[in-house]
Amino acid sequence: MLLVNHPLILLLSLLLPPPSTLAQPCWRDTKCSPITKPAFPGPWESNIYAPSSRTVTPKSVLSLSTGEELTSYPGPNKLERNGSALVFDFGLEVGGIVSLEYTVTGNNKGAVGLAFTEAKNWIGEWSDSSNGAFKGPDGAIYSNFTGPGSVSYTMPDEKLRGGFRYLTLFLIAPSASVELRDISLEIGFQPTWSNLRAYQGYFHSSDESLNAVWHSGAYTLQTNAVPPNTGRKARPMATSGWMNNGYLGPGDTILVDGAKRDRAVWPGDMGVAVPSIFVSTGDLEYVFTILPLHLSPN
C-alpha cells in the first residue's frame, strides 16, 4: 500500500488561517509561519525524524576511546582529570547552539572543549571539516573557567554548528574536575516553524525501509532551511575553526545546499529540492525568498 498527498490539497492547506496556539517557539526573534500543525495526521507521523521541541538534549553518553555507549543521558557525566572526555550522542543529525551547565571542583583555571562530528568514526577533540578552506578539521571551541563554582556557557552565535550528531566534551585543566549538569541544543534550522513536525505532505507504505528513506530526505530539507544570517562566512573564508555568520539573503528563512557545509544558496539544487519540499514539509516560504535572488538581472 502506498499513500501520498495530493498537491492541490497541499496548496490549499498552506492558505488556511493558523490555529490560535503554537506548539513551541520559533528561532529567536523570527516571525513564525502560519503552519503549526500537520495537514494530514496519521500513522506516518511516527516516521518523522524532526524533534517535537526546538530545544533538545543528548540521548546517550559514549566512550571516546571505543565509541561504545556508557549510559543513557543524563547519567553520571563527570570529567575527572586533564584530558578526560565524553561523547554525547543526540541520536540523529541536529544543528544549532549548544548550552552547558557545569560545576568545577579544584582551584585551577581551565576549559571545557566542545567538538562536533556527524559520524562516530570522527569523534574526538577536533570537529569535522566545514569551513570550506579544506585546511583540515575545524578544531574546537572552549568554555573557559577561572576556578571552582558553577558555570553557564552558551556558544557564540557565529559558532552555530549547522549539522552534527556527536558532541565531544573534554577537559583542559592541570588539577580540576568538572561535573556536567545539563547539556542542551537550541535547534537553528527551519527557523519560522513553531512545530517542526507540522508536515503539510505525507508518505506511507508497507515497506519500512522506503518510509525511512522518504522521511530522511524530508528531514534533510528541514535542516537545510536556515536563518539568513547564519550562512558560512565566505569573504574572507575562515582558514581555521568555522564562522556561520554570513548573510545569505532577505527574509526569515532561506534554503541552502547543506546544513554543515556549504551553507550557501545554489540554484542548481532547487531542481530537486523544491518539488521534494512541495510534497513533504510544504514550507515554501524559503523557496519564495531565494527565487528572486536568482531571477534578478543583478
C-alpha atoms as a PDB file:
ATOM      1  CA  MET A   1       0.000   0.000   0.000  1.00  0.00           C
ATOM      2  CA  LEU A   2       1.283   3.461  -0.882  1.00  0.00           C
ATOM      3  CA  LEU A   3      -0.228   6.759   0.243  1.00  0.00           C
ATOM      4  CA  VAL A   4       0.893  10.215  -0.860  1.00  0.00           C
ATOM      5  CA  ASN A   5      -0.579  13.661  -0.559  1.00  0.00           C
ATOM      6  CA  HIS A   6      -2.368  15.486  -3.373  1.00  0.00           C
ATOM      7  CA  PRO A   7      -0.547  18.715  -4.442  1.00  0.00           C
ATOM      8  CA  LEU A   8      -3.801  20.698  -4.723  1.00  0.00           C
ATOM      9  CA  ILE A   9      -4.809  19.759  -1.189  1.00  0.00           C
ATOM     10  CA  LEU A  10      -1.315  20.685  -0.019  1.00  0.00           C
ATOM     11  CA  LEU A  11      -1.521  24.114  -1.678  1.00  0.00           C
ATOM     12  CA  LEU A  12      -4.933  24.801  -0.144  1.00  0.00           C
ATOM     13  CA  SER A  13      -3.655  23.789   3.288  1.00  0.00           C
ATOM     14  CA  LEU A  14      -0.967  26.475   3.096  1.00  0.00           C
ATOM     15  CA  LEU A  15      -3.675  29.119   2.687  1.00  0.00           C
ATOM     16  CA  LEU A  16      -5.654  28.130   5.782  1.00  0.00           C
ATOM     17  CA  PRO A  17      -5.533  30.501   8.773  1.00  0.00           C
ATOM     18  CA  PRO A  18      -3.303  29.447  11.650  1.00  0.00           C
ATOM     19  CA  PRO A  19      -4.696  27.966  14.842  1.00  0.00           C
ATOM     20  CA  SER A  20      -4.669  30.123  17.953  1.00  0.00           C
ATOM     21  CA  THR A  21      -1.839  28.291  19.755  1.00  0.00           C
ATOM     22  CA  LEU A  22       1.730  27.401  18.874  1.00  0.00           C
ATOM     23  CA  ALA A  23       3.424  24.148  19.783  1.00  0.00           C
ATOM     24  CA  GLN A  24       6.829  25.688  20.556  1.00  0.00           C
ATOM     25  CA  PRO A  25       8.814  28.881  19.861  1.00  0.00           C
ATOM     26  CA  CYS A  26      10.371  29.729  16.535  1.00  0.00           C
ATOM     27  CA  TRP A  27      14.065  30.531  16.227  1.00  0.00           C
ATOM     28  CA  ARG A  28      14.996  33.579  18.296  1.00  0.00           C
ATOM     29  CA  ASP A  29      13.005  36.644  17.156  1.00  0.00           C
ATOM     30  CA  THR A  30      11.994  35.133  13.804  1.00  0.00           C
ATOM     31  CA  LYS A  31       8.436  35.760  12.624  1.00  0.00           C
ATOM     32  CA  CYS A  32       6.554  32.462  12.855  1.00  0.00           C
ATOM     33  CA  SER A  33       4.941  30.782   9.879  1.00  0.00           C
ATOM     34  CA  PRO A  34       1.179  30.142   9.960  1.00  0.00           C
ATOM     35  CA  ILE A  35       1.977  26.433   9.527  1.00  0.00           C
ATOM     36  CA  THR A  36       1.650  24.998  13.029  1.00  0.00           C
ATOM     37  CA  LYS A  37       0.060  21.556  12.671  1.00  0.00           C
ATOM     38  CA  PRO A  38       0.204  18.616  10.236  1.00  0.00           C
ATOM     39  CA  ALA A  39      -2.154  18.845   7.285  1.00  0.00           C
ATOM     40  CA  PHE A  40      -2.639  15.067   7.235  1.00  0.00           C
ATOM     41  CA  PRO A  41      -2.390  13.478  10.704  1.00  0.00           C
ATOM     42  CA  GLY A  42      -1.902   9.737  10.605  1.00  0.00           C
ATOM     43  CA  PRO A  43       0.343   6.782  11.467  1.00  0.00           C
ATOM     44  CA  TRP A  44       3.049   8.067   9.104  1.00  0.00           C
ATOM     45  CA  GLU A  45       3.865  10.789  11.656  1.00  0.00           C
ATOM     46  CA  SER A  46       5.762   8.176  13.684  1.00  0.00           C
ATOM     47  CA  ASN A  47       8.358   8.126  10.876  1.00  0.00           C
ATOM     48  CA  ILE A  48       9.123  11.858  11.088  1.00  0.00           C
ATOM     49  CA  TYR A  49      12.667  12.490  12.317  1.00  0.00           C
ATOM     50  CA  ALA A  50      12.136  16.099  13.396  1.00  0.00           C
ATOM     51  CA  PRO A  51      12.001  16.502  17.197  1.00  0.00           C
ATOM     52  CA  SER A  52       8.898  17.731  18.965  1.00  0.00           C
ATOM     53  CA  SER A  53      10.786  20.595  20.621  1.00  0.00           C
ATOM     54  CA  ARG A  54      13.251  23.193  19.367  1.00  0.00           C
ATOM     55  CA  THR A  55      15.350  22.527  22.471  1.00  0.00           C
ATOM     56  CA  VAL A  56      16.786  19.013  22.598  1.00  0.00           C
ATOM     57  CA  THR A  57      19.206  17.056  24.770  1.00  0.00           C
ATOM     58  CA  PRO A  58      21.525  14.104  24.026  1.00  0.00           C
ATOM     59  CA  LYS A  59      20.129  10.580  24.001  1.00  0.00           C
ATOM     60  CA  SER A  60      23.183   8.723  25.279  1.00  0.00           C
ATOM     61  CA  VAL A  61      26.769   9.046  26.509  1.00  0.00           C
ATOM     62  CA  LEU A  62      29.593   7.257  24.680  1.00  0.00           C
ATOM     63  CA  SER A  63      33.192   6.369  25.406  1.00  0.00           C
ATOM     64  CA  LEU A  64      35.603   8.442  23.331  1.00  0.00           C
ATOM     65  CA  SER A  65      38.144   5.611  23.110  1.00  0.00           C
ATOM     66  CA  THR A  66      35.740   2.884  21.976  1.00  0.00           C
ATOM     67  CA  GLY A  67      32.616   4.685  20.758  1.00  0.00           C
ATOM     68  CA  GLU A  68      30.514   2.300  22.842  1.00  0.00           C
ATOM     69  CA  GLU A  69      27.513   3.513  24.842  1.00  0.00           C
ATOM     70  CA  LEU A  70      28.265   4.024  28.525  1.00  0.00           C
ATOM     71  CA  THR A  71      24.843   5.127  29.712  1.00  0.00           C
ATOM     72  CA  SER A  72      21.718   6.893  28.600  1.00  0.00           C
ATOM     73  CA  TYR A  73      21.654  10.655  29.113  1.00  0.00           C
ATOM     74  CA  PRO A  74      21.864  12.264  31.606  1.00  0.00           C
ATOM     75  CA  GLY A  75      23.619   9.552  33.596  1.00  0.00           C
ATOM     76  CA  PRO A  76      26.799  10.280  35.605  1.00  0.00           C
ATOM     77  CA  ASN A  77      28.711  12.809  33.496  1.00  0.00           C
ATOM     78  CA  LYS A  78      31.976  13.852  35.103  1.00  0.00           C
ATOM     79  CA  LEU A  79      35.281  14.871  33.540  1.00  0.00           C
ATOM     80  CA  GLU A  80      37.695  13.719  36.212  1.00  0.00           C
ATOM     81  CA  ARG A  81      41.115  14.938  35.077  1.00  0.00           C
ATOM     82  CA  ASN A  82      43.071  16.791  32.429  1.00  0.00           C
ATOM     83  CA  GLY A  83      42.391  15.265  29.004  1.00  0.00           C
ATOM     84  CA  SER A  84      39.342  13.263  30.048  1.00  0.00           C
ATOM     85  CA  ALA A  85      36.440  13.316  27.599  1.00  0.00           C
ATOM     86  CA  LEU A  86      32.903  12.064  26.992  1.00  0.00           C
ATOM     87  CA  VAL A  87      30.887  11.888  23.789  1.00  0.00           C
ATOM     88  CA  PHE A  88      27.215  12.854  23.766  1.00  0.00           C
ATOM     89  CA  ASP A  89      25.059  11.306  21.063  1.00  0.00           C
ATOM     90  CA  PHE A  90      21.934  13.247  20.060  1.00  0.00           C
ATOM     91  CA  GLY A  91      20.621  10.218  18.193  1.00  0.00           C
ATOM     92  CA  LEU A  92      20.300  11.913  14.814  1.00  0.00           C
ATOM     93  CA  GLU A  93      21.585  14.873  12.826  1.00  0.00           C
ATOM     94  CA  VAL A  94      20.866  18.161  14.598  1.00  0.00           C
ATOM     95  CA  GLY A  95      22.194  21.687  14.368  1.00  0.00           C
ATOM     96  CA  GLY A  96      22.178  24.936  16.299  1.00  0.00           C
ATOM     97  CA  ILE A  97      23.561  26.429  19.503  1.00  0.00           C
ATOM     98  CA  VAL A  98      24.761  24.301  22.441  1.00  0.00           C
ATOM     99  CA  SER A  99      24.461  25.429  26.062  1.00  0.00           C
ATOM    100  CA  LEU A 100      26.256  23.849  29.037  1.00  0.00           C
ATOM    101  CA  GLU A 101      25.733  23.958  32.800  1.00  0.00           C
ATOM    102  CA  TYR A 102      28.569  22.501  34.864  1.00  0.00           C
ATOM    103  CA  THR A 103      30.300  22.668  38.226  1.00  0.00           C
ATOM    104  CA  VAL A 104      34.071  22.974  38.626  1.00  0.00           C
ATOM    105  CA  THR A 105      35.938  21.437  41.554  1.00  0.00           C
ATOM    106  CA  GLY A 106      39.572  22.425  42.153  1.00  0.00           C
ATOM    107  CA  ASN A 107      41.438  25.701  42.424  1.00  0.00           C
ATOM    108  CA  ASN A 108      42.765  25.900  38.903  1.00  0.00           C
ATOM    109  CA  LYS A 109      41.600  27.639  35.800  1.00  0.00           C
ATOM    110  CA  GLY A 110      40.951  25.650  32.657  1.00  0.00           C
ATOM    111  CA  ALA A 111      38.444  24.999  29.899  1.00  0.00           C
ATOM    112  CA  VAL A 112      35.853  22.555  28.640  1.00  0.00           C
ATOM    113  CA  GLY A 113      36.334  21.941  24.933  1.00  0.00           C
ATOM    114  CA  LEU A 114      33.472  21.285  22.510  1.00  0.00           C
ATOM    115  CA  ALA A 115      33.989  19.363  19.258  1.00  0.00           C
ATOM    116  CA  PHE A 116      31.307  18.322  16.760  1.00  0.00           C
ATOM    117  CA  THR A 117      31.087  15.479  14.262  1.00  0.00           C
ATOM    118  CA  GLU A 118      28.433  13.919  12.064  1.00  0.00           C
ATOM    119  CA  ALA A 119      29.903  10.406  12.108  1.00  0.00           C
ATOM    120  CA  LYS A 120      31.119   8.301  15.032  1.00  0.00           C
ATOM    121  CA  ASN A 121      34.413   7.465  13.315  1.00  0.00           C
ATOM    122  CA  TRP A 122      35.424  11.140  13.559  1.00  0.00           C
ATOM    123  CA  ILE A 123      34.637  11.741  17.242  1.00  0.00           C
ATOM    124  CA  GLY A 124      37.454  13.374  19.171  1.00  0.00           C
ATOM    125  CA  GLU A 125      38.860  16.723  20.225  1.00  0.00           C
ATOM    126  CA  TRP A 126      38.633  18.086  16.664  1.00  0.00           C
ATOM    127  CA  SER A 127      35.402  18.884  14.869  1.00  0.00           C
ATOM    128  CA  ASP A 128      34.992  17.548  11.358  1.00  0.00           C
ATOM    129  CA  SER A 129      35.580  19.900   8.419  1.00  0.00           C
ATOM    130  CA  SER A 130      33.007  22.529   7.436  1.00  0.00           C
ATOM    131  CA  ASN A 131      34.707  25.865   6.833  1.00  0.00           C
ATOM    132  CA  GLY A 132      35.357  25.269   3.117  1.00  0.00           C
ATOM    133  CA  ALA A 133      39.041  26.137   3.183  1.00  0.00           C
ATOM    134  CA  PHE A 134      39.972  22.424   3.181  1.00  0.00           C
ATOM    135  CA  LYS A 135      42.777  23.038   5.678  1.00  0.00           C
ATOM    136  CA  GLY A 136      41.812  20.097   7.866  1.00  0.00           C
ATOM    137  CA  PRO A 137      39.367  19.650  10.740  1.00  0.00           C
ATOM    138  CA  ASP A 138      37.593  22.665  12.227  1.00  0.00           C
ATOM    139  CA  GLY A 139      39.102  22.259  15.683  1.00  0.00           C
ATOM    140  CA  ALA A 140      37.103  23.011  18.828  1.00  0.00           C
ATOM    141  CA  ILE A 141      35.584  25.867  20.787  1.00  0.00           C
ATOM    142  CA  TYR A 142      36.102  26.358  24.523  1.00  0.00           C
ATOM    143  CA  SER A 143      34.203  27.296  27.639  1.00  0.00           C
ATOM    144  CA  ASN A 144      36.795  28.817  29.968  1.00  0.00           C
ATOM    145  CA  PHE A 145      36.620  28.819  33.771  1.00  0.00           C
ATOM    146  CA  THR A 146      38.818  30.564  36.353  1.00  0.00           C
ATOM    147  CA  GLY A 147      38.278  28.384  39.413  1.00  0.00           C
ATOM    148  CA  PRO A 148      35.713  26.371  41.361  1.00  0.00           C
ATOM    149  CA  GLY A 149      31.994  27.059  41.100  1.00  0.00           C
ATOM    150  CA  SER A 150      29.041  26.856  38.728  1.00  0.00           C
ATOM    151  CA  VAL A 151      29.457  27.791  35.080  1.00  0.00           C
ATOM    152  CA  SER A 152      26.828  28.545  32.434  1.00  0.00           C
ATOM    153  CA  TYR A 153      28.039  28.616  28.842  1.00  0.00           C
ATOM    154  CA  THR A 154      26.324  29.197  25.507  1.00  0.00           C
ATOM    155  CA  MET A 155      28.147  29.011  22.189  1.00  0.00           C
ATOM    156  CA  PRO A 156      28.629  32.327  20.369  1.00  0.00           C
ATOM    157  CA  ASP A 157      26.067  32.763  17.592  1.00  0.00           C
ATOM    158  CA  GLU A 158      28.756  32.857  14.899  1.00  0.00           C
ATOM    159  CA  LYS A 159      29.866  29.383  16.010  1.00  0.00           C
ATOM    160  CA  LEU A 160      26.450  27.849  15.322  1.00  0.00           C
ATOM    161  CA  ARG A 161      27.069  24.286  14.168  1.00  0.00           C
ATOM    162  CA  GLY A 162      24.891  23.527  11.183  1.00  0.00           C
ATOM    163  CA  GLY A 163      24.989  19.740  11.273  1.00  0.00           C
ATOM    164  CA  PHE A 164      26.274  17.205  13.795  1.00  0.00           C
ATOM    165  CA  ARG A 165      25.183  14.169  15.783  1.00  0.00           C
ATOM    166  CA  TYR A 166      28.066  13.707  18.224  1.00  0.00           C
ATOM    167  CA  LEU A 167      29.311  16.320  20.702  1.00  0.00           C
ATOM    168  CA  THR A 168      32.639  15.591  22.401  1.00  0.00           C
ATOM    169  CA  LEU A 169      33.301  17.448  25.651  1.00  0.00           C
ATOM    170  CA  PHE A 170      36.852  17.317  27.010  1.00  0.00           C
ATOM    171  CA  LEU A 171      38.671  18.884  29.934  1.00  0.00           C
ATOM    172  CA  ILE A 172      41.809  21.020  29.782  1.00  0.00           C
ATOM    173  CA  ALA A 173      42.922  21.755  33.346  1.00  0.00           C
ATOM    174  CA  PRO A 174      46.018  20.715  35.327  1.00  0.00           C
ATOM    175  CA  SER A 175      44.135  19.821  38.532  1.00  0.00           C
ATOM    176  CA  ALA A 176      40.403  20.333  38.297  1.00  0.00           C
ATOM    177  CA  SER A 177      37.356  18.219  37.591  1.00  0.00           C
ATOM    178  CA  VAL A 178      34.024  19.110  36.017  1.00  0.00           C
ATOM    179  CA  GLU A 179      30.568  17.714  36.702  1.00  0.00           C
ATOM    180  CA  LEU A 180      28.283  18.278  33.709  1.00  0.00           C
ATOM    181  CA  ARG A 181      24.810  19.153  34.985  1.00  0.00           C
ATOM    182  CA  ASP A 182      22.987  19.999  31.774  1.00  0.00           C
ATOM    183  CA  ILE A 183      23.611  19.893  28.014  1.00  0.00           C
ATOM    184  CA  SER A 184      21.055  21.299  25.601  1.00  0.00           C
ATOM    185  CA  LEU A 185      20.825  22.348  21.975  1.00  0.00           C
ATOM    186  CA  GLU A 186      18.692  25.136  20.554  1.00  0.00           C
ATOM    187  CA  ILE A 187      17.834  23.932  17.044  1.00  0.00           C
ATOM    188  CA  GLY A 188      18.512  26.595  14.431  1.00  0.00           C
ATOM    189  CA  PHE A 189      17.041  25.054  11.282  1.00  0.00           C
ATOM    190  CA  GLN A 190      13.574  25.726   9.835  1.00  0.00           C
ATOM    191  CA  PRO A 191      13.532  28.924  11.888  1.00  0.00           C
ATOM    192  CA  THR A 192       9.975  30.065  11.102  1.00  0.00           C
ATOM    193  CA  TRP A 193       8.257  26.863  12.260  1.00  0.00           C
ATOM    194  CA  SER A 194       6.932  26.664  15.802  1.00  0.00           C
ATOM    195  CA  ASN A 195       6.209  22.946  15.286  1.00  0.00           C
ATOM    196  CA  LEU A 196       8.984  21.128  13.430  1.00  0.00           C
ATOM    197  CA  ARG A 197       6.707  18.124  12.858  1.00  0.00           C
ATOM    198  CA  ALA A 198       3.904  20.036  11.116  1.00  0.00           C
ATOM    199  CA  TYR A 199       4.408  18.380   7.726  1.00  0.00           C
ATOM    200  CA  GLN A 200       1.995  19.534   5.021  1.00  0.00           C
ATOM    201  CA  GLY A 201       2.514  16.372   2.985  1.00  0.00           C
ATOM    202  CA  TYR A 202       2.923  12.732   3.849  1.00  0.00           C
ATOM    203  CA  PHE A 203       4.172   9.389   2.591  1.00  0.00           C
ATOM    204  CA  HIS A 204       3.381   5.916   3.861  1.00  0.00           C
ATOM    205  CA  SER A 205       3.931   2.429   2.503  1.00  0.00           C
ATOM    206  CA  SER A 206       4.143  -1.154   3.731  1.00  0.00           C
ATOM    207  CA  ASP A 207       7.947  -1.028   3.318  1.00  0.00           C
ATOM    208  CA  GLU A 208       9.566   0.437   6.428  1.00  0.00           C
ATOM    209  CA  SER A 209      12.896   0.941   4.666  1.00  0.00           C
ATOM    210  CA  LEU A 210      11.199   3.015   1.961  1.00  0.00           C
ATOM    211  CA  ASN A 211       9.373   5.015   4.610  1.00  0.00           C
ATOM    212  CA  ALA A 212      12.699   5.736   6.343  1.00  0.00           C
ATOM    213  CA  VAL A 213      14.332   6.856   3.092  1.00  0.00           C
ATOM    214  CA  TRP A 214      11.491   9.261   2.275  1.00  0.00           C
ATOM    215  CA  HIS A 215      11.405  10.777   5.749  1.00  0.00           C
ATOM    216  CA  SER A 216      15.182  11.098   5.988  1.00  0.00           C
ATOM    217  CA  GLY A 217      15.053  13.117   2.760  1.00  0.00           C
ATOM    218  CA  ALA A 218      12.285  15.313   4.155  1.00  0.00           C
ATOM    219  CA  TYR A 219      14.260  15.884   7.358  1.00  0.00           C
ATOM    220  CA  THR A 220      17.348  16.799   5.323  1.00  0.00           C
ATOM    221  CA  LEU A 221      15.305  19.515   3.620  1.00  0.00           C
ATOM    222  CA  GLN A 222      14.319  20.816   7.042  1.00  0.00           C
ATOM    223  CA  THR A 223      17.930  21.019   8.213  1.00  0.00           C
ATOM    224  CA  ASN A 224      18.770  22.937   5.018  1.00  0.00           C
ATOM    225  CA  ALA A 225      16.276  25.706   5.845  1.00  0.00           C
ATOM    226  CA  VAL A 226      18.325  28.176   7.889  1.00  0.00           C
ATOM    227  CA  PRO A 227      18.180  31.726   9.268  1.00  0.00           C
ATOM    228  CA  PRO A 228      19.507  34.081   6.553  1.00  0.00           C
ATOM    229  CA  ASN A 229      22.238  35.475   8.832  1.00  0.00           C
ATOM    230  CA  THR A 230      23.800  32.065   9.524  1.00  0.00           C
ATOM    231  CA  GLY A 231      25.491  31.278   6.225  1.00  0.00           C
ATOM    232  CA  ARG A 232      29.081  30.137   6.070  1.00  0.00           C
ATOM    233  CA  LYS A 233      31.371  33.126   6.035  1.00  0.00           C
ATOM    234  CA  ALA A 234      32.963  33.242   2.596  1.00  0.00           C
ATOM    235  CA  ARG A 235      34.808  36.561   2.242  1.00  0.00           C
ATOM    236  CA  PRO A 236      37.301  36.118   3.693  1.00  0.00           C
ATOM    237  CA  MET A 237      36.859  32.393   4.269  1.00  0.00           C
ATOM    238  CA  ALA A 238      37.923  31.064   7.651  1.00  0.00           C
ATOM    239  CA  THR A 239      41.142  29.066   7.425  1.00  0.00           C
ATOM    240  CA  SER A 240      40.771  27.642  10.937  1.00  0.00           C
ATOM    241  CA  GLY A 241      37.712  26.962  13.020  1.00  0.00           C
ATOM    242  CA  TRP A 242      34.406  27.954  11.437  1.00  0.00           C
ATOM    243  CA  MET A 243      32.194  31.028  11.151  1.00  0.00           C
ATOM    244  CA  ASN A 244      28.487  30.788  10.386  1.00  0.00           C
ATOM    245  CA  ASN A 245      27.506  34.444  10.439  1.00  0.00           C
ATOM    246  CA  GLY A 246      27.395  35.128   6.699  1.00  0.00           C
ATOM    247  CA  TYR A 247      24.442  36.955   5.096  1.00  0.00           C
ATOM    248  CA  LEU A 248      22.537  34.765   2.626  1.00  0.00           C
ATOM    249  CA  GLY A 249      19.630  36.959   1.592  1.00  0.00           C
ATOM    250  CA  PRO A 250      16.439  38.684   2.792  1.00  0.00           C
ATOM    251  CA  GLY A 251      13.536  37.202   4.709  1.00  0.00           C
ATOM    252  CA  ASP A 252      13.296  34.998   7.781  1.00  0.00           C
ATOM    253  CA  THR A 253      14.376  31.658   6.280  1.00  0.00           C
ATOM    254  CA  ILE A 254      16.366  30.535   3.260  1.00  0.00           C
ATOM    255  CA  LEU A 255      17.264  27.239   1.585  1.00  0.00           C
ATOM    256  CA  VAL A 256      20.930  26.217   1.454  1.00  0.00           C
ATOM    257  CA  ASP A 257      22.697  23.257  -0.117  1.00  0.00           C
ATOM    258  CA  GLY A 258      23.847  21.686   3.148  1.00  0.00           C
ATOM    259  CA  ALA A 259      23.314  22.238   6.859  1.00  0.00           C
ATOM    260  CA  LYS A 260      27.000  21.886   7.785  1.00  0.00           C
ATOM    261  CA  ARG A 261      28.620  22.968   4.544  1.00  0.00           C
ATOM    262  CA  ASP A 262      28.488  24.774   2.245  1.00  0.00           C
ATOM    263  CA  ARG A 263      25.588  26.632   3.960  1.00  0.00           C
ATOM    264  CA  ALA A 264      25.213  28.572   0.715  1.00  0.00           C
ATOM    265  CA  VAL A 265      22.419  29.107  -1.819  1.00  0.00           C
ATOM    266  CA  TRP A 266      22.907  27.106  -5.024  1.00  0.00           C
ATOM    267  CA  PRO A 267      20.185  27.412  -7.710  1.00  0.00           C
ATOM    268  CA  GLY A 268      21.011  24.031  -9.246  1.00  0.00           C
ATOM    269  CA  ASP A 269      19.907  22.254  -6.070  1.00  0.00           C
ATOM    270  CA  MET A 270      16.426  23.736  -6.338  1.00  0.00           C
ATOM    271  CA  GLY A 271      15.532  21.450  -9.257  1.00  0.00           C
ATOM    272  CA  VAL A 272      15.416  18.543  -6.805  1.00  0.00           C
ATOM    273  CA  ALA A 273      14.781  20.344  -3.525  1.00  0.00           C
ATOM    274  CA  VAL A 274      11.712  22.407  -4.431  1.00  0.00           C
ATOM    275  CA  PRO A 275       9.494  19.561  -5.721  1.00  0.00           C
ATOM    276  CA  SER A 276      10.581  17.499  -2.710  1.00  0.00           C
ATOM    277  CA  ILE A 277       9.632  20.309  -0.327  1.00  0.00           C
ATOM    278  CA  PHE A 278       6.270  20.688  -2.048  1.00  0.00           C
ATOM    279  CA  VAL A 279       5.237  17.093  -1.336  1.00  0.00           C
ATOM    280  CA  SER A 280       6.815  16.762   2.131  1.00  0.00           C
ATOM    281  CA  THR A 281       7.153  19.679   4.550  1.00  0.00           C
ATOM    282  CA  GLY A 282       5.294  22.152   2.342  1.00  0.00           C
ATOM    283  CA  ASP A 283       7.407  25.002   3.726  1.00  0.00           C
ATOM    284  CA  LEU A 284       7.593  27.091   0.552  1.00  0.00           C
ATOM    285  CA  GLU A 285       8.453  30.354   2.301  1.00  0.00           C
ATOM    286  CA  TYR A 286      12.191  29.973   1.830  1.00  0.00           C
ATOM    287  CA  VAL A 287      11.666  28.976  -1.804  1.00  0.00           C
ATOM    288  CA  PHE A 288       9.930  32.294  -2.446  1.00  0.00           C
ATOM    289  CA  THR A 289      12.839  34.003  -0.680  1.00  0.00           C
ATOM    290  CA  ILE A 290      15.573  32.625  -2.921  1.00  0.00           C
ATOM    291  CA  LEU A 291      13.801  32.661  -6.286  1.00  0.00           C
ATOM    292  CA  PRO A 292      14.021  36.468  -6.685  1.00  0.00           C
ATOM    293  CA  LEU A 293      17.737  36.310  -5.891  1.00  0.00           C
ATOM    294  CA  HIS A 294      18.349  34.130  -8.952  1.00  0.00           C
ATOM    295  CA  LEU A 295      15.801  35.733 -11.263  1.00  0.00           C
ATOM    296  CA  SER A 296      17.111  39.257 -10.684  1.00  0.00           C
ATOM    297  CA  PRO A 297      19.213  40.669 -13.572  1.00  0.00           C
ATOM    298  CA  ASN A 298      21.651  41.987 -10.969  1.00  0.00           C
END
